[in-house]
Amino acid sequence: MPPDPARAIIERYRLEWKKFGRSDAELPLMGISRHVVLADSSAEAVRIAERAYRPWLKHMELLWVRNGTKLPLGLPPEIGPLLDARAAFAGTVSEFKSFLDEQVRSTGANYFVCDVAFGDLAPEESLRTIKLLGEQVIPQFGN
């Protein structure tokens, strides 16, 4: 889901929360999830994400197709449109830091999930993303 629709859902939740007389301090985590692939170059990360997305989508659609219907999520057949819409990320650590800041700011989310193991990503590819996140992204958040 791109940032604008995610923001609309999060804002609506906050509005309904207030209608019940609940304080902002009591709000639960409201998050977004993004496919994330980090690599030494943007081109390499995009290549990996493109390859991994196709089998992921096929598996997502499997039970729907078996039962004669279409997956109701409106996902594109390739990851490119999701990358363009800022609903997935493939790139370098530096680019991801900017992406993450923009995602939190533009959606109002207070929780961010990095889906680093999807489709046919090799364990080494997922582990590289995890390592880069752990060493170069997460420390910026402190405790």
Foldseek 3Di string as FASTA:
>chain_A
DFQVVLQVVVVVVVVVCVVVVHDPVPDDFREAEAAEFADPFQVVQQVLQQQQVQQLVCVVQPVQVVVPHGDPPPDDNTCVVCCVRLRYDTGHPVVVLVSVVCSCVRRVGPDYHHPLDGGPDDPVRSVVVVVCCVPPPVVVVPD
